[in-house]
Amino acid sequence: MSVQSHIAELERRHAALERELDEANQHPSVDGTTLRELKRQKLALKDEIVKLSSEAKVLH
């Protein structure tokens, strides 16, 4: 898998987590722990995207 395709996959997963987080925020029955975990996962993906994007720029 190329770096660009890996970044694209991470971006798709990040967008999916964004949608899941938006849906969870609309339901009062979702607890804070679930919301924190979704946010943590989303942030981890974002960090990985930024890291890989930076590395890809250095290679070009």
N, C-alpha and C. Protein backbone atom coordinates (compact mmCIF):
# COMPACT_ATOMS: atom_id res chain seq x y z
N MET A 1 0.86 -1.17 0.00
CA MET A 1 0.00 0.00 0.00
C MET A 1 0.91 1.24 0.00
N SER A 2 0.65 2.15 -0.92
CA SER A 2 1.44 3.36 -0.98
C SER A 2 1.09 4.27 0.20
N VAL A 3 1.96 5.21 0.46
CA VAL A 3 1.73 6.14 1.56
C VAL A 3 0.46 6.94 1.31
N GLN A 4 0.26 7.38 0.07
CA GLN A 4 -0.93 8.18 -0.25
C GLN A 4 -2.22 7.37 -0.05
N SER A 5 -2.20 6.12 -0.45
CA SER A 5 -3.41 5.31 -0.27
C SER A 5 -3.64 5.01 1.21
N HIS A 6 -2.55 4.86 1.96
CA HIS A 6 -2.68 4.64 3.40
C HIS A 6 -3.28 5.89 4.07
N ILE A 7 -2.79 7.06 3.67
CA ILE A 7 -3.34 8.32 4.20
C ILE A 7 -4.82 8.44 3.85
N ALA A 8 -5.17 8.10 2.62
CA ALA A 8 -6.57 8.18 2.19
C ALA A 8 -7.44 7.25 3.04
N GLU A 9 -6.95 6.05 3.33
CA GLU A 9 -7.71 5.12 4.17
C GLU A 9 -7.88 5.68 5.59
N LEU A 10 -6.82 6.25 6.13
CA LEU A 10 -6.90 6.85 7.46
C LEU A 10 -7.90 8.01 7.46
N GLU A 11 -7.92 8.79 6.40
CA GLU A 11 -8.88 9.90 6.29
C GLU A 11 -10.31 9.40 6.22
N ARG A 12 -10.53 8.27 5.54
CA ARG A 12 -11.87 7.68 5.49
C ARG A 12 -12.30 7.22 6.89
N ARG A 13 -11.37 6.58 7.60
CA ARG A 13 -11.68 6.13 8.95
C ARG A 13 -11.92 7.31 9.88
N HIS A 14 -11.16 8.38 9.71
CA HIS A 14 -11.33 9.60 10.51
C HIS A 14 -12.72 10.19 10.27
N ALA A 15 -13.14 10.25 9.01
CA ALA A 15 -14.46 10.79 8.66
C ALA A 15 -15.57 9.90 9.25
N ALA A 16 -15.37 8.60 9.22
CA ALA A 16 -16.37 7.68 9.78
C ALA A 16 -16.49 7.89 11.29
N LEU A 17 -15.36 8.10 11.96
CA LEU A 17 -15.41 8.37 13.40
C LEU A 17 -16.08 9.71 13.67
N GLU A 18 -15.86 10.67 12.81
CA GLU A 18 -16.51 11.98 12.95
C GLU A 18 -18.03 11.82 12.90
N ARG A 19 -18.50 11.04 11.93
CA ARG A 19 -19.95 10.79 11.82
C ARG A 19 -20.47 10.05 13.06
N GLU A 20 -19.71 9.04 13.49
CA GLU A 20 -20.13 8.27 14.67
C GLU A 20 -20.18 9.16 15.91
N LEU A 21 -19.21 10.04 16.05
CA LEU A 21 -19.18 10.97 17.17
C LEU A 21 -20.35 11.94 17.12
N ASP A 22 -20.65 12.45 15.93
CA ASP A 22 -21.80 13.34 15.76
C ASP A 22 -23.10 12.64 16.17
N GLU A 23 -23.26 11.40 15.74
CA GLU A 23 -24.45 10.63 16.10
C GLU A 23 -24.51 10.38 17.60
N ALA A 24 -23.38 10.04 18.19
CA ALA A 24 -23.34 9.76 19.62
C ALA A 24 -23.69 11.00 20.43
N ASN A 25 -23.24 12.17 19.96
CA ASN A 25 -23.54 13.41 20.67
C ASN A 25 -25.02 13.75 20.65
N GLN A 26 -25.75 13.21 19.69
CA GLN A 26 -27.18 13.50 19.57
C GLN A 26 -28.03 12.60 20.47
N HIS A 27 -27.41 11.58 21.05
CA HIS A 27 -28.16 10.65 21.90
C HIS A 27 -27.75 10.85 23.35
N PRO A 28 -28.67 11.29 24.18
CA PRO A 28 -28.34 11.53 25.59
C PRO A 28 -27.96 10.27 26.36
N SER A 29 -28.27 9.12 25.82
CA SER A 29 -27.96 7.87 26.53
C SER A 29 -26.49 7.47 26.40
N VAL A 30 -25.75 8.11 25.50
CA VAL A 30 -24.34 7.77 25.32
C VAL A 30 -23.54 8.39 26.46
N ASP A 31 -22.72 7.57 27.11
CA ASP A 31 -21.98 8.07 28.27
C ASP A 31 -20.69 8.79 27.86
N GLY A 32 -20.13 9.50 28.80
CA GLY A 32 -18.93 10.28 28.57
C GLY A 32 -17.73 9.43 28.19
N THR A 33 -17.67 8.23 28.73
CA THR A 33 -16.55 7.33 28.43
C THR A 33 -16.53 6.97 26.94
N THR A 34 -17.68 6.68 26.40
CA THR A 34 -17.79 6.36 24.98
C THR A 34 -17.37 7.55 24.12
N LEU A 35 -17.84 8.73 24.49
CA LEU A 35 -17.48 9.93 23.73
C LEU A 35 -15.98 10.19 23.80
N ARG A 36 -15.39 10.04 24.96
CA ARG A 36 -13.94 10.25 25.11
C ARG A 36 -13.16 9.26 24.26
N GLU A 37 -13.61 8.01 24.24
CA GLU A 37 -12.90 6.99 23.46
C GLU A 37 -12.99 7.30 21.97
N LEU A 38 -14.15 7.72 21.49
CA LEU A 38 -14.29 8.08 20.08
C LEU A 38 -13.39 9.27 19.73
N LYS A 39 -13.35 10.25 20.62
CA LYS A 39 -12.50 11.41 20.39
C LYS A 39 -11.03 11.02 20.40
N ARG A 40 -10.66 10.11 21.31
CA ARG A 40 -9.27 9.65 21.38
C ARG A 40 -8.87 8.93 20.10
N GLN A 41 -9.75 8.07 19.60
CA GLN A 41 -9.48 7.35 18.36
C GLN A 41 -9.35 8.31 17.19
N LYS A 42 -10.24 9.28 17.15
CA LYS A 42 -10.23 10.27 16.07
C LYS A 42 -8.93 11.07 16.11
N LEU A 43 -8.51 11.50 17.29
CA LEU A 43 -7.28 12.26 17.43
C LEU A 43 -6.07 11.42 17.04
N ALA A 44 -6.06 10.15 17.42
CA ALA A 44 -4.94 9.27 17.07
C ALA A 44 -4.84 9.13 15.54
N LEU A 45 -5.98 9.00 14.88
CA LEU A 45 -5.96 8.92 13.42
C LEU A 45 -5.45 10.21 12.82
N LYS A 46 -5.90 11.33 13.34
CA LYS A 46 -5.46 12.63 12.83
C LYS A 46 -3.95 12.79 13.01
N ASP A 47 -3.43 12.39 14.16
CA ASP A 47 -1.99 12.46 14.40
C ASP A 47 -1.23 11.60 13.39
N GLU A 48 -1.72 10.42 13.12
CA GLU A 48 -1.08 9.53 12.15
C GLU A 48 -1.13 10.12 10.75
N ILE A 49 -2.25 10.73 10.38
CA ILE A 49 -2.39 11.36 9.07
C ILE A 49 -1.36 12.48 8.92
N VAL A 50 -1.25 13.32 9.94
CA VAL A 50 -0.30 14.45 9.90
C VAL A 50 1.13 13.92 9.81
N LYS A 51 1.45 12.91 10.59
CA LYS A 51 2.79 12.32 10.59
C LYS A 51 3.13 11.76 9.21
N LEU A 52 2.24 10.97 8.65
CA LEU A 52 2.51 10.37 7.34
C LEU A 52 2.57 11.42 6.24
N SER A 53 1.71 12.44 6.33
CA SER A 53 1.72 13.50 5.33
C SER A 53 3.05 14.26 5.39
N SER A 54 3.54 14.53 6.58
CA SER A 54 4.82 15.20 6.73
C SER A 54 5.96 14.37 6.17
N GLU A 55 5.94 13.09 6.45
CA GLU A 55 6.97 12.18 5.96
C GLU A 55 6.92 12.09 4.43
N ALA A 56 5.72 12.09 3.88
CA ALA A 56 5.57 12.00 2.42
C ALA A 56 6.12 13.25 1.76
N LYS A 57 5.94 14.41 2.38
CA LYS A 57 6.45 15.66 1.82
C LYS A 57 7.98 15.66 1.82
N VAL A 58 8.58 15.09 2.87
CA VAL A 58 10.03 15.03 2.96
C VAL A 58 10.60 14.13 1.85
N LEU A 59 9.88 13.08 1.52
CA LEU A 59 10.35 12.16 0.49
C LEU A 59 10.28 12.75 -0.92
N HIS A 60 9.43 13.75 -1.11
CA HIS A 60 9.29 14.34 -2.45
C HIS A 60 10.17 15.50 -2.60
